Amino acid sequence: MGAFLVRRLIWLPILLFFISLITFALGLYGPGDPVQVMMGLHANPETIERLRHEYGFDQPFYVQYLRYIGNALQGNFGYSLVKYRDQPVGKLIADALPATIQLNLLAIGLGVLIGVPLGLLAGLNRDSWLDLLVRAFVIAGISFPIIFLNPVLTFIFSRRHDLILPAANLAVSVGPILPMVQGRWEGLLSAKIILPALIESTGVIAIMTRQMRAGIIEVMNEDFIRTARAKGLRERLVIFRHALRNALIPIATILGLMLGGLVAGSFLVENWFGVPGVGALTFDALSSRDYYVVMAMVLLIAVAYVVSNLIVDLTYGYLDPRIRKQ
């Protein structure tokens, strides 16, 4: 396990190097000049050339890239050029991360707490009426996109029954992780987070349920399950001690990818409910071509996914001794 971890850690900076190189090249040579976007259509050529020199955009590519990476390693991802003019990108992301992480953690938590038991019950009662209902829910959860669920569930639970799941004016600014100051992001302490988290978790619940059902059906037919039953173990012990642990291996893969997406946010949910998170920040940056913000977000998301995949690989060894021995 130690040698495996060392190999993965060696590959981590190499992978991030190529990701940062491609991201920087796309941001620098993508459609639209950063200075032109910042100044608008009416800027004169002299002003554009002067600003390009001030920001270093007239220097060779490798010089700009090395300067950007050197600053990024020190936590300096540049400054917003357009919408959040002259504000540090690192501060913008740090302010937006708490809201996104809380929303996604609650959504993933709902997905695991609801999806895994549902899939387990459906798999243990295969082809029963309960299994049919669960499969119908899974198909609906996967089929209905968030862009459809946002207005429909908001109308049902918030507009018609505001006292159940209030969602209007969810947040106006980003605060600390769990503040209780009136008018600021109230995080997990607020009832207003329930509806966006529920919408965010719909697909997660469906995926977890389907994967858990398929996993438990496959595991229950394995030889070690028949051996455990032949030893006289109670069915409850067979399921929870032997079958469930092995069925959770595919769940760990999905959960790892979702944990990597914690910092990515959700464009649709955050913009619909006014959550001041990373998804809304990235959407604004893409719309206004704020390149430094976009590049920093891509690097942050890449690091999150690489680290989460490493955690998933290490989790495999804990769940399955055969993988740990290999």
C-alpha atoms as a PDB file:
ATOM      1  CA  MET A   1       0.000   0.000   0.000  1.00  0.00           C
ATOM      2  CA  GLY A   2       2.859   2.380   0.790  1.00  0.00           C
ATOM      3  CA  ALA A   3       4.545   1.814  -2.589  1.00  0.00           C
ATOM      4  CA  PHE A   4       1.226   2.326  -4.356  1.00  0.00           C
ATOM      5  CA  LEU A   5       0.686   5.612  -2.537  1.00  0.00           C
ATOM      6  CA  VAL A   6       4.186   6.826  -3.431  1.00  0.00           C
ATOM      7  CA  ARG A   7       3.649   6.025  -7.130  1.00  0.00           C
ATOM      8  CA  ARG A   8       0.381   7.929  -7.175  1.00  0.00           C
ATOM      9  CA  LEU A   9       1.918  10.930  -5.416  1.00  0.00           C
ATOM     10  CA  ILE A  10       4.738  10.998  -7.981  1.00  0.00           C
ATOM     11  CA  TRP A  11       2.233  11.108 -10.835  1.00  0.00           C
ATOM     12  CA  LEU A  12       0.170  13.854  -9.173  1.00  0.00           C
ATOM     13  CA  PRO A  13       2.442  16.857 -10.037  1.00  0.00           C
ATOM     14  CA  ILE A  14       3.023  15.503 -13.561  1.00  0.00           C
ATOM     15  CA  LEU A  15      -0.705  15.279 -14.225  1.00  0.00           C
ATOM     16  CA  LEU A  16      -1.343  18.718 -12.756  1.00  0.00           C
ATOM     17  CA  PHE A  17       1.462  20.165 -14.889  1.00  0.00           C
ATOM     18  CA  PHE A  18      -0.203  19.066 -18.128  1.00  0.00           C
ATOM     19  CA  ILE A  19      -3.619  20.213 -16.916  1.00  0.00           C
ATOM     20  CA  SER A  20      -2.274  23.638 -15.963  1.00  0.00           C
ATOM     21  CA  LEU A  21      -0.396  23.948 -19.261  1.00  0.00           C
ATOM     22  CA  ILE A  22      -3.452  23.141 -21.377  1.00  0.00           C
ATOM     23  CA  THR A  23      -5.701  25.355 -19.243  1.00  0.00           C
ATOM     24  CA  PHE A  24      -3.325  28.306 -19.438  1.00  0.00           C
ATOM     25  CA  ALA A  25      -2.926  27.925 -23.215  1.00  0.00           C
ATOM     26  CA  LEU A  26      -6.706  27.793 -23.745  1.00  0.00           C
ATOM     27  CA  GLY A  27      -7.225  30.798 -21.485  1.00  0.00           C
ATOM     28  CA  LEU A  28      -4.496  32.846 -23.153  1.00  0.00           C
ATOM     29  CA  TYR A  29      -5.146  31.932 -26.785  1.00  0.00           C
ATOM     30  CA  GLY A  30      -8.862  31.236 -26.566  1.00  0.00           C
ATOM     31  CA  PRO A  31     -11.515  33.392 -28.233  1.00  0.00           C
ATOM     32  CA  GLY A  32     -11.302  37.039 -27.237  1.00  0.00           C
ATOM     33  CA  ASP A  33      -8.344  39.067 -26.067  1.00  0.00           C
ATOM     34  CA  PRO A  34      -8.323  39.507 -22.233  1.00  0.00           C
ATOM     35  CA  VAL A  35      -7.494  43.220 -22.432  1.00  0.00           C
ATOM     36  CA  GLN A  36     -10.053  43.800 -25.179  1.00  0.00           C
ATOM     37  CA  VAL A  37     -12.703  42.070 -23.076  1.00  0.00           C
ATOM     38  CA  MET A  38     -11.717  44.125 -20.041  1.00  0.00           C
ATOM     39  CA  MET A  39     -11.762  47.487 -21.831  1.00  0.00           C
ATOM     40  CA  GLY A  40     -14.751  46.892 -24.096  1.00  0.00           C
ATOM     41  CA  LEU A  41     -15.227  47.620 -27.776  1.00  0.00           C
ATOM     42  CA  HIS A  42     -14.470  51.327 -27.603  1.00  0.00           C
ATOM     43  CA  ALA A  43     -10.908  51.161 -26.270  1.00  0.00           C
ATOM     44  CA  ASN A  44      -8.271  52.695 -28.520  1.00  0.00           C
ATOM     45  CA  PRO A  45      -5.291  50.602 -29.731  1.00  0.00           C
ATOM     46  CA  GLU A  46      -2.768  52.642 -27.710  1.00  0.00           C
ATOM     47  CA  THR A  47      -4.572  51.880 -24.442  1.00  0.00           C
ATOM     48  CA  ILE A  48      -4.847  48.194 -25.312  1.00  0.00           C
ATOM     49  CA  GLU A  49      -1.130  47.926 -26.086  1.00  0.00           C
ATOM     50  CA  ARG A  50      -0.215  49.760 -22.892  1.00  0.00           C
ATOM     51  CA  LEU A  51      -2.366  47.456 -20.767  1.00  0.00           C
ATOM     52  CA  ARG A  52      -1.055  44.370 -22.536  1.00  0.00           C
ATOM     53  CA  HIS A  53       2.441  45.464 -21.572  1.00  0.00           C
ATOM     54  CA  GLU A  54       1.422  46.222 -17.974  1.00  0.00           C
ATOM     55  CA  TYR A  55      -0.209  42.806 -17.532  1.00  0.00           C
ATOM     56  CA  GLY A  56       2.633  41.042 -19.338  1.00  0.00           C
ATOM     57  CA  PHE A  57       0.473  39.691 -22.174  1.00  0.00           C
ATOM     58  CA  ASP A  58       3.061  40.788 -24.743  1.00  0.00           C
ATOM     59  CA  GLN A  59       5.707  38.464 -23.317  1.00  0.00           C
ATOM     60  CA  PRO A  60       6.478  34.971 -24.713  1.00  0.00           C
ATOM     61  CA  PHE A  61       4.142  32.156 -23.728  1.00  0.00           C
ATOM     62  CA  TYR A  62       6.640  30.280 -21.567  1.00  0.00           C
ATOM     63  CA  VAL A  63       7.474  33.428 -19.599  1.00  0.00           C
ATOM     64  CA  GLN A  64       3.792  34.079 -18.874  1.00  0.00           C
ATOM     65  CA  TYR A  65       3.176  30.444 -17.959  1.00  0.00           C
ATOM     66  CA  LEU A  66       6.135  30.189 -15.583  1.00  0.00           C
ATOM     67  CA  ARG A  67       5.158  33.448 -13.912  1.00  0.00           C
ATOM     68  CA  TYR A  68       1.556  32.263 -13.520  1.00  0.00           C
ATOM     69  CA  ILE A  69       2.578  28.870 -12.073  1.00  0.00           C
ATOM     70  CA  GLY A  70       5.099  30.474  -9.735  1.00  0.00           C
ATOM     71  CA  ASN A  71       2.441  32.828  -8.406  1.00  0.00           C
ATOM     72  CA  ALA A  72      -0.149  30.032  -8.207  1.00  0.00           C
ATOM     73  CA  LEU A  73       2.155  27.902  -6.062  1.00  0.00           C
ATOM     74  CA  GLN A  74       2.237  30.829  -3.625  1.00  0.00           C
ATOM     75  CA  GLY A  75      -1.564  31.109  -3.626  1.00  0.00           C
ATOM     76  CA  ASN A  76      -1.704  34.029  -6.052  1.00  0.00           C
ATOM     77  CA  PHE A  77      -3.984  33.173  -8.998  1.00  0.00           C
ATOM     78  CA  GLY A  78      -4.044  36.668 -10.404  1.00  0.00           C
ATOM     79  CA  TYR A  79      -6.763  39.288 -10.355  1.00  0.00           C
ATOM     80  CA  SER A  80     -10.200  39.418 -11.904  1.00  0.00           C
ATOM     81  CA  LEU A  81     -10.069  41.422 -15.132  1.00  0.00           C
ATOM     82  CA  VAL A  82     -13.759  41.947 -15.854  1.00  0.00           C
ATOM     83  CA  LYS A  83     -16.717  41.528 -13.490  1.00  0.00           C
ATOM     84  CA  TYR A  84     -14.843  41.594 -10.170  1.00  0.00           C
ATOM     85  CA  ARG A  85     -12.281  44.106 -11.405  1.00  0.00           C
ATOM     86  CA  ASP A  86      -8.919  43.964  -9.597  1.00  0.00           C
ATOM     87  CA  GLN A  87     -10.133  41.586  -6.867  1.00  0.00           C
ATOM     88  CA  PRO A  88      -7.800  38.645  -6.080  1.00  0.00           C
ATOM     89  CA  VAL A  89      -9.044  35.431  -7.661  1.00  0.00           C
ATOM     90  CA  GLY A  90      -7.958  33.418  -4.634  1.00  0.00           C
ATOM     91  CA  LYS A  91     -10.129  35.520  -2.349  1.00  0.00           C
ATOM     92  CA  LEU A  92     -13.128  35.231  -4.680  1.00  0.00           C
ATOM     93  CA  ILE A  93     -12.839  31.439  -4.677  1.00  0.00           C
ATOM     94  CA  ALA A  94     -12.204  31.239  -0.923  1.00  0.00           C
ATOM     95  CA  ASP A  95     -15.337  33.311  -0.278  1.00  0.00           C
ATOM     96  CA  ALA A  96     -17.465  31.146  -2.581  1.00  0.00           C
ATOM     97  CA  LEU A  97     -16.213  27.694  -1.514  1.00  0.00           C
ATOM     98  CA  PRO A  98     -18.018  27.408   1.866  1.00  0.00           C
ATOM     99  CA  ALA A  99     -21.489  27.773   0.335  1.00  0.00           C
ATOM    100  CA  THR A 100     -20.746  25.278  -2.450  1.00  0.00           C
ATOM    101  CA  ILE A 101     -19.154  22.693  -0.157  1.00  0.00           C
ATOM    102  CA  GLN A 102     -22.042  22.840   2.307  1.00  0.00           C
ATOM    103  CA  LEU A 103     -24.671  22.523  -0.412  1.00  0.00           C
ATOM    104  CA  ASN A 104     -22.912  19.611  -2.125  1.00  0.00           C
ATOM    105  CA  LEU A 105     -22.086  17.819   1.133  1.00  0.00           C
ATOM    106  CA  LEU A 106     -25.748  17.901   2.118  1.00  0.00           C
ATOM    107  CA  ALA A 107     -26.785  16.707  -1.353  1.00  0.00           C
ATOM    108  CA  ILE A 108     -24.288  13.819  -1.298  1.00  0.00           C
ATOM    109  CA  GLY A 109     -25.285  12.972   2.266  1.00  0.00           C
ATOM    110  CA  LEU A 110     -28.934  12.744   1.239  1.00  0.00           C
ATOM    111  CA  GLY A 111     -27.928  10.644  -1.751  1.00  0.00           C
ATOM    112  CA  VAL A 112     -26.059   8.124   0.418  1.00  0.00           C
ATOM    113  CA  LEU A 113     -28.562   8.018   3.282  1.00  0.00           C
ATOM    114  CA  ILE A 114     -31.514   7.487   0.942  1.00  0.00           C
ATOM    115  CA  GLY A 115     -29.999   5.785  -2.098  1.00  0.00           C
ATOM    116  CA  VAL A 116     -27.962   3.032  -0.390  1.00  0.00           C
ATOM    117  CA  PRO A 117     -30.823   1.675   1.801  1.00  0.00           C
ATOM    118  CA  LEU A 118     -33.253   1.886  -1.131  1.00  0.00           C
ATOM    119  CA  GLY A 119     -30.890  -0.034  -3.389  1.00  0.00           C
ATOM    120  CA  LEU A 120     -30.244  -2.597  -0.650  1.00  0.00           C
ATOM    121  CA  LEU A 121     -33.959  -3.198  -0.095  1.00  0.00           C
ATOM    122  CA  ALA A 122     -34.640  -3.414  -3.824  1.00  0.00           C
ATOM    123  CA  GLY A 123     -31.777  -5.853  -4.390  1.00  0.00           C
ATOM    124  CA  LEU A 124     -32.789  -8.116  -1.505  1.00  0.00           C
ATOM    125  CA  ASN A 125     -36.414  -8.137  -2.737  1.00  0.00           C
ATOM    126  CA  ARG A 126     -35.703  -8.550  -6.426  1.00  0.00           C
ATOM    127  CA  ASP A 127     -38.725  -8.416  -8.763  1.00  0.00           C
ATOM    128  CA  SER A 128     -41.102  -7.608  -5.907  1.00  0.00           C
ATOM    129  CA  TRP A 129     -43.488  -4.647  -5.900  1.00  0.00           C
ATOM    130  CA  LEU A 130     -40.939  -2.704  -3.824  1.00  0.00           C
ATOM    131  CA  ASP A 131     -38.246  -3.384  -6.422  1.00  0.00           C
ATOM    132  CA  LEU A 132     -40.551  -2.196  -9.207  1.00  0.00           C
ATOM    133  CA  LEU A 133     -41.303   1.051  -7.350  1.00  0.00           C
ATOM    134  CA  VAL A 134     -37.623   1.681  -6.660  1.00  0.00           C
ATOM    135  CA  ARG A 135     -36.685   1.056 -10.303  1.00  0.00           C
ATOM    136  CA  ALA A 136     -39.408   3.468 -11.427  1.00  0.00           C
ATOM    137  CA  PHE A 137     -38.006   6.102  -9.073  1.00  0.00           C
ATOM    138  CA  VAL A 138     -34.478   5.508 -10.385  1.00  0.00           C
ATOM    139  CA  ILE A 139     -35.612   5.961 -13.987  1.00  0.00           C
ATOM    140  CA  ALA A 140     -37.455   9.179 -13.069  1.00  0.00           C
ATOM    141  CA  GLY A 141     -34.514  10.519 -11.045  1.00  0.00           C
ATOM    142  CA  ILE A 142     -32.075   9.963 -13.876  1.00  0.00           C
ATOM    143  CA  SER A 143     -34.432  11.172 -16.605  1.00  0.00           C
ATOM    144  CA  PHE A 144     -35.575  14.472 -15.083  1.00  0.00           C
ATOM    145  CA  PRO A 145     -32.840  17.106 -15.527  1.00  0.00           C
ATOM    146  CA  ILE A 146     -32.120  19.748 -12.914  1.00  0.00           C
ATOM    147  CA  ILE A 147     -33.240  22.469 -15.308  1.00  0.00           C
ATOM    148  CA  PHE A 148     -36.723  20.894 -15.109  1.00  0.00           C
ATOM    149  CA  LEU A 149     -36.699  20.155 -11.375  1.00  0.00           C
ATOM    150  CA  ASN A 150     -35.663  23.687 -10.376  1.00  0.00           C
ATOM    151  CA  PRO A 151     -38.870  25.502 -11.355  1.00  0.00           C
ATOM    152  CA  VAL A 152     -41.238  22.586 -10.712  1.00  0.00           C
ATOM    153  CA  LEU A 153     -40.119  21.771  -7.156  1.00  0.00           C
ATOM    154  CA  THR A 154     -39.667  25.443  -6.313  1.00  0.00           C
ATOM    155  CA  PHE A 155     -43.293  26.069  -7.318  1.00  0.00           C
ATOM    156  CA  ILE A 156     -44.568  23.055  -5.370  1.00  0.00           C
ATOM    157  CA  PHE A 157     -42.643  23.422  -2.128  1.00  0.00           C
ATOM    158  CA  SER A 158     -41.735  27.094  -1.947  1.00  0.00           C
ATOM    159  CA  ARG A 159     -44.258  29.152  -3.866  1.00  0.00           C
ATOM    160  CA  ARG A 160     -47.312  27.120  -2.844  1.00  0.00           C
ATOM    161  CA  HIS A 161     -46.081  25.903   0.541  1.00  0.00           C
ATOM    162  CA  ASP A 162     -43.495  28.452   1.618  1.00  0.00           C
ATOM    163  CA  LEU A 163     -43.533  27.355   5.244  1.00  0.00           C
ATOM    164  CA  ILE A 164     -42.417  23.826   4.292  1.00  0.00           C
ATOM    165  CA  LEU A 165     -39.288  24.576   2.276  1.00  0.00           C
ATOM    166  CA  PRO A 166     -38.651  28.322   1.977  1.00  0.00           C
ATOM    167  CA  ALA A 167     -36.366  29.114  -0.922  1.00  0.00           C
ATOM    168  CA  ALA A 168     -36.856  32.760  -1.846  1.00  0.00           C
ATOM    169  CA  ASN A 169     -33.868  35.072  -1.310  1.00  0.00           C
ATOM    170  CA  LEU A 170     -31.690  32.163  -0.296  1.00  0.00           C
ATOM    171  CA  ALA A 171     -28.498  34.191   0.040  1.00  0.00           C
ATOM    172  CA  VAL A 172     -27.194  37.631  -0.759  1.00  0.00           C
ATOM    173  CA  SER A 173     -23.540  37.329   0.179  1.00  0.00           C
ATOM    174  CA  VAL A 174     -20.993  34.801   1.316  1.00  0.00           C
ATOM    175  CA  GLY A 175     -20.116  34.539   4.968  1.00  0.00           C
ATOM    176  CA  PRO A 176     -18.155  32.098   7.122  1.00  0.00           C
ATOM    177  CA  ILE A 177     -18.938  28.388   7.069  1.00  0.00           C
ATOM    178  CA  LEU A 178     -21.749  28.394   9.627  1.00  0.00           C
ATOM    179  CA  PRO A 179     -22.714  32.003  10.355  1.00  0.00           C
ATOM    180  CA  MET A 180     -26.036  32.928  11.865  1.00  0.00           C
ATOM    181  CA  VAL A 181     -25.927  36.614  10.943  1.00  0.00           C
ATOM    182  CA  GLN A 182     -29.170  37.877   9.436  1.00  0.00           C
ATOM    183  CA  GLY A 183     -28.935  38.541   5.717  1.00  0.00           C
ATOM    184  CA  ARG A 184     -25.878  36.352   5.119  1.00  0.00           C
ATOM    185  CA  TRP A 185     -25.415  32.788   3.951  1.00  0.00           C
ATOM    186  CA  GLU A 186     -26.823  30.682   6.778  1.00  0.00           C
ATOM    187  CA  GLY A 187     -25.424  27.377   5.547  1.00  0.00           C
ATOM    188  CA  LEU A 188     -26.537  24.102   7.058  1.00  0.00           C
ATOM    189  CA  LEU A 189     -28.364  25.927   9.851  1.00  0.00           C
ATOM    190  CA  SER A 190     -30.906  27.373   7.430  1.00  0.00           C
ATOM    191  CA  ALA A 191     -34.059  25.640   6.220  1.00  0.00           C
ATOM    192  CA  LYS A 192     -33.565  27.446   2.917  1.00  0.00           C
ATOM    193  CA  ILE A 193     -30.768  25.083   1.935  1.00  0.00           C
ATOM    194  CA  ILE A 194     -33.034  22.014   2.031  1.00  0.00           C
ATOM    195  CA  LEU A 195     -34.813  22.560  -1.300  1.00  0.00           C
ATOM    196  CA  PRO A 196     -31.688  23.245  -3.429  1.00  0.00           C
ATOM    197  CA  ALA A 197     -29.903  20.342  -1.722  1.00  0.00           C
ATOM    198  CA  LEU A 198     -32.885  18.081  -2.374  1.00  0.00           C
ATOM    199  CA  ILE A 199     -32.889  19.015  -6.065  1.00  0.00           C
ATOM    200  CA  GLU A 200     -29.127  18.549  -6.237  1.00  0.00           C
ATOM    201  CA  SER A 201     -29.406  15.132  -4.593  1.00  0.00           C
ATOM    202  CA  THR A 202     -32.120  13.735  -6.894  1.00  0.00           C
ATOM    203  CA  GLY A 203     -29.670  12.373  -9.437  1.00  0.00           C
ATOM    204  CA  VAL A 204     -27.294  11.246  -6.682  1.00  0.00           C
ATOM    205  CA  ILE A 205     -30.059   9.214  -5.001  1.00  0.00           C
ATOM    206  CA  ALA A 206     -31.032   7.598  -8.298  1.00  0.00           C
ATOM    207  CA  ILE A 207     -27.442   6.639  -9.162  1.00  0.00           C
ATOM    208  CA  MET A 208     -26.680   5.327  -5.673  1.00  0.00           C
ATOM    209  CA  THR A 209     -29.889   3.291  -5.634  1.00  0.00           C
ATOM    210  CA  ARG A 210     -29.273   1.714  -9.026  1.00  0.00           C
ATOM    211  CA  GLN A 211     -25.644   0.882  -8.275  1.00  0.00           C
ATOM    212  CA  MET A 212     -26.417  -0.517  -4.837  1.00  0.00           C
ATOM    213  CA  ARG A 213     -29.208  -2.705  -6.201  1.00  0.00           C
ATOM    214  CA  ALA A 214     -26.987  -4.108  -8.952  1.00  0.00           C
ATOM    215  CA  GLY A 215     -24.105  -4.633  -6.534  1.00  0.00           C
ATOM    216  CA  ILE A 216     -26.086  -6.482  -3.879  1.00  0.00           C
ATOM    217  CA  ILE A 217     -27.739  -8.743  -6.473  1.00  0.00           C
ATOM    218  CA  GLU A 218     -24.325  -9.679  -7.878  1.00  0.00           C
ATOM    219  CA  VAL A 219     -22.696 -10.219  -4.474  1.00  0.00           C
ATOM    220  CA  MET A 220     -25.517 -12.364  -3.106  1.00  0.00           C
ATOM    221  CA  ASN A 221     -24.756 -14.959  -5.789  1.00  0.00           C
ATOM    222  CA  GLU A 222     -21.058 -15.255  -4.882  1.00  0.00           C
ATOM    223  CA  ASP A 223     -19.532 -18.404  -3.405  1.00  0.00           C
ATOM    224  CA  PHE A 224     -18.469 -16.745  -0.145  1.00  0.00           C
ATOM    225  CA  ILE A 225     -22.095 -15.846   0.586  1.00  0.00           C
ATOM    226  CA  ARG A 226     -23.144 -19.490   0.181  1.00  0.00           C
ATOM    227  CA  THR A 227     -20.237 -20.470   2.418  1.00  0.00           C
ATOM    228  CA  ALA A 228     -21.296 -18.010   5.104  1.00  0.00           C
ATOM    229  CA  ARG A 229     -24.829 -19.367   5.024  1.00  0.00           C
ATOM    230  CA  ALA A 230     -23.545 -22.935   5.161  1.00  0.00           C
ATOM    231  CA  LYS A 231     -21.666 -22.071   8.359  1.00  0.00           C
ATOM    232  CA  GLY A 232     -25.003 -21.244   9.953  1.00  0.00           C
ATOM    233  CA  LEU A 233     -24.633 -17.461  10.140  1.00  0.00           C
ATOM    234  CA  ARG A 234     -27.836 -15.508  10.503  1.00  0.00           C
ATOM    235  CA  GLU A 235     -29.067 -13.826   7.335  1.00  0.00           C
ATOM    236  CA  ARG A 236     -28.593 -10.393   8.861  1.00  0.00           C
ATOM    237  CA  LEU A 237     -24.902 -11.094   9.501  1.00  0.00           C
ATOM    238  CA  VAL A 238     -24.473 -12.506   6.006  1.00  0.00           C
ATOM    239  CA  ILE A 239     -25.920  -9.347   4.472  1.00  0.00           C
ATOM    240  CA  PHE A 240     -24.274  -6.662   6.575  1.00  0.00           C
ATOM    241  CA  ARG A 241     -20.937  -8.321   7.361  1.00  0.00           C
ATOM    242  CA  HIS A 242     -20.180  -9.986   4.033  1.00  0.00           C
ATOM    243  CA  ALA A 243     -22.481  -8.853   1.216  1.00  0.00           C
ATOM    244  CA  LEU A 244     -22.832  -5.147   1.970  1.00  0.00           C
ATOM    245  CA  ARG A 245     -19.115  -4.489   2.331  1.00  0.00           C
ATOM    246  CA  ASN A 246     -18.365  -5.936  -1.109  1.00  0.00           C
ATOM    247  CA  ALA A 247     -21.346  -4.232  -2.723  1.00  0.00           C
ATOM    248  CA  LEU A 248     -20.067  -0.868  -1.497  1.00  0.00           C
ATOM    249  CA  ILE A 249     -16.946  -0.983  -3.703  1.00  0.00           C
ATOM    250  CA  PRO A 250     -18.688   0.498  -6.802  1.00  0.00           C
ATOM    251  CA  ILE A 251     -20.402   3.003  -4.494  1.00  0.00           C
ATOM    252  CA  ALA A 252     -16.976   4.159  -3.323  1.00  0.00           C
ATOM    253  CA  THR A 253     -16.001   4.930  -6.924  1.00  0.00           C
ATOM    254  CA  ILE A 254     -19.111   7.020  -7.536  1.00  0.00           C
ATOM    255  CA  LEU A 255     -18.814   8.728  -4.170  1.00  0.00           C
ATOM    256  CA  GLY A 256     -15.192   9.617  -4.865  1.00  0.00           C
ATOM    257  CA  LEU A 257     -16.089  11.303  -8.138  1.00  0.00           C
ATOM    258  CA  MET A 258     -18.872  13.201  -6.411  1.00  0.00           C
ATOM    259  CA  LEU A 259     -16.534  14.323  -3.630  1.00  0.00           C
ATOM    260  CA  GLY A 260     -14.205  15.616  -6.331  1.00  0.00           C
ATOM    261  CA  GLY A 261     -17.098  17.696  -7.592  1.00  0.00           C
ATOM    262  CA  LEU A 262     -17.622  19.337  -4.204  1.00  0.00           C
ATOM    263  CA  VAL A 263     -15.618  22.361  -5.287  1.00  0.00           C
ATOM    264  CA  ALA A 264     -17.116  22.480  -8.768  1.00  0.00           C
ATOM    265  CA  GLY A 265     -20.546  23.539  -7.631  1.00  0.00           C
ATOM    266  CA  SER A 266     -23.705  23.401  -9.682  1.00  0.00           C
ATOM    267  CA  PHE A 267     -24.282  26.128 -12.249  1.00  0.00           C
ATOM    268  CA  LEU A 268     -28.018  25.532 -12.491  1.00  0.00           C
ATOM    269  CA  VAL A 269     -28.922  25.123  -8.811  1.00  0.00           C
ATOM    270  CA  GLU A 270     -26.671  27.899  -7.517  1.00  0.00           C
ATOM    271  CA  ASN A 271     -27.833  30.391 -10.127  1.00  0.00           C
ATOM    272  CA  TRP A 272     -31.506  29.478  -9.744  1.00  0.00           C
ATOM    273  CA  PHE A 273     -31.545  29.813  -5.942  1.00  0.00           C
ATOM    274  CA  GLY A 274     -28.994  32.607  -5.707  1.00  0.00           C
ATOM    275  CA  VAL A 275     -26.430  30.535  -3.811  1.00  0.00           C
ATOM    276  CA  PRO A 276     -23.189  32.574  -3.732  1.00  0.00           C
ATOM    277  CA  GLY A 277     -21.032  29.563  -4.499  1.00  0.00           C
ATOM    278  CA  VAL A 278     -18.335  28.445  -6.889  1.00  0.00           C
ATOM    279  CA  GLY A 279     -20.822  27.371  -9.558  1.00  0.00           C
ATOM    280  CA  ALA A 280     -22.310  30.852  -9.754  1.00  0.00           C
ATOM    281  CA  LEU A 281     -18.822  32.409  -9.698  1.00  0.00           C
ATOM    282  CA  THR A 282     -17.622  30.186 -12.545  1.00  0.00           C
ATOM    283  CA  PHE A 283     -20.759  30.870 -14.569  1.00  0.00           C
ATOM    284  CA  ASP A 284     -20.214  34.620 -14.216  1.00  0.00           C
ATOM    285  CA  ALA A 285     -16.541  34.231 -15.156  1.00  0.00           C
ATOM    286  CA  LEU A 286     -17.379  32.190 -18.263  1.00  0.00           C
ATOM    287  CA  SER A 287     -20.078  34.659 -19.314  1.00  0.00           C
ATOM    288  CA  SER A 288     -17.748  37.646 -18.939  1.00  0.00           C
ATOM    289  CA  ARG A 289     -14.604  35.817 -20.174  1.00  0.00           C
ATOM    290  CA  ASP A 290     -12.799  36.442 -16.904  1.00  0.00           C
ATOM    291  CA  TYR A 291      -9.879  34.190 -17.797  1.00  0.00           C
ATOM    292  CA  TYR A 292      -7.942  34.205 -14.539  1.00  0.00           C
ATOM    293  CA  VAL A 293     -11.016  33.092 -12.585  1.00  0.00           C
ATOM    294  CA  VAL A 294     -11.767  30.319 -15.094  1.00  0.00           C
ATOM    295  CA  MET A 295      -8.177  29.056 -15.099  1.00  0.00           C
ATOM    296  CA  ALA A 296      -8.014  28.993 -11.297  1.00  0.00           C
ATOM    297  CA  MET A 297     -11.300  27.093 -11.083  1.00  0.00           C
ATOM    298  CA  VAL A 298     -10.146  24.478 -13.608  1.00  0.00           C
ATOM    299  CA  LEU A 299      -6.944  23.902 -11.628  1.00  0.00           C
ATOM    300  CA  LEU A 300      -8.854  23.676  -8.355  1.00  0.00           C
ATOM    301  CA  ILE A 301     -11.353  21.172  -9.757  1.00  0.00           C
ATOM    302  CA  ALA A 302      -8.536  19.102 -11.281  1.00  0.00           C
ATOM    303  CA  VAL A 303      -6.737  18.897  -7.940  1.00  0.00           C
ATOM    304  CA  ALA A 304      -9.989  17.928  -6.197  1.00  0.00           C
ATOM    305  CA  TYR A 305     -10.694  15.085  -8.640  1.00  0.00           C
ATOM    306  CA  VAL A 306      -7.131  13.756  -8.549  1.00  0.00           C
ATOM    307  CA  VAL A 307      -7.085  13.708  -4.748  1.00  0.00           C
ATOM    308  CA  SER A 308     -10.550  12.137  -4.539  1.00  0.00           C
ATOM    309  CA  ASN A 309      -9.544   9.375  -6.967  1.00  0.00           C
ATOM    310  CA  LEU A 310      -6.490   8.662  -4.818  1.00  0.00           C
ATOM    311  CA  ILE A 311      -8.715   8.382  -1.740  1.00  0.00           C
ATOM    312  CA  VAL A 312     -11.055   6.025  -3.626  1.00  0.00           C
ATOM    313  CA  ASP A 313      -8.156   3.749  -4.617  1.00  0.00           C
ATOM    314  CA  LEU A 314      -7.019   3.558  -1.013  1.00  0.00           C
ATOM    315  CA  THR A 315     -10.596   2.833   0.091  1.00  0.00           C
ATOM    316  CA  TYR A 316     -10.717  -0.186  -2.226  1.00  0.00           C
ATOM    317  CA  GLY A 317      -8.018  -1.853  -0.159  1.00  0.00           C
ATOM    318  CA  TYR A 318     -10.027  -1.360   3.011  1.00  0.00           C
ATOM    319  CA  LEU A 319     -13.262  -2.714   1.531  1.00  0.00           C
ATOM    320  CA  ASP A 320     -11.765  -5.682  -0.316  1.00  0.00           C
ATOM    321  CA  PRO A 321      -8.762  -7.549   1.183  1.00  0.00           C
ATOM    322  CA  ARG A 322      -8.034  -9.098  -2.233  1.00  0.00           C
ATOM    323  CA  ILE A 323      -7.299  -5.659  -3.669  1.00  0.00           C
ATOM    324  CA  ARG A 324      -5.173  -4.754  -0.631  1.00  0.00           C
ATOM    325  CA  LYS A 325      -3.003  -7.849  -1.095  1.00  0.00           C
ATOM    326  CA  GLN A 326      -2.517  -7.070  -4.777  1.00  0.00           C
END
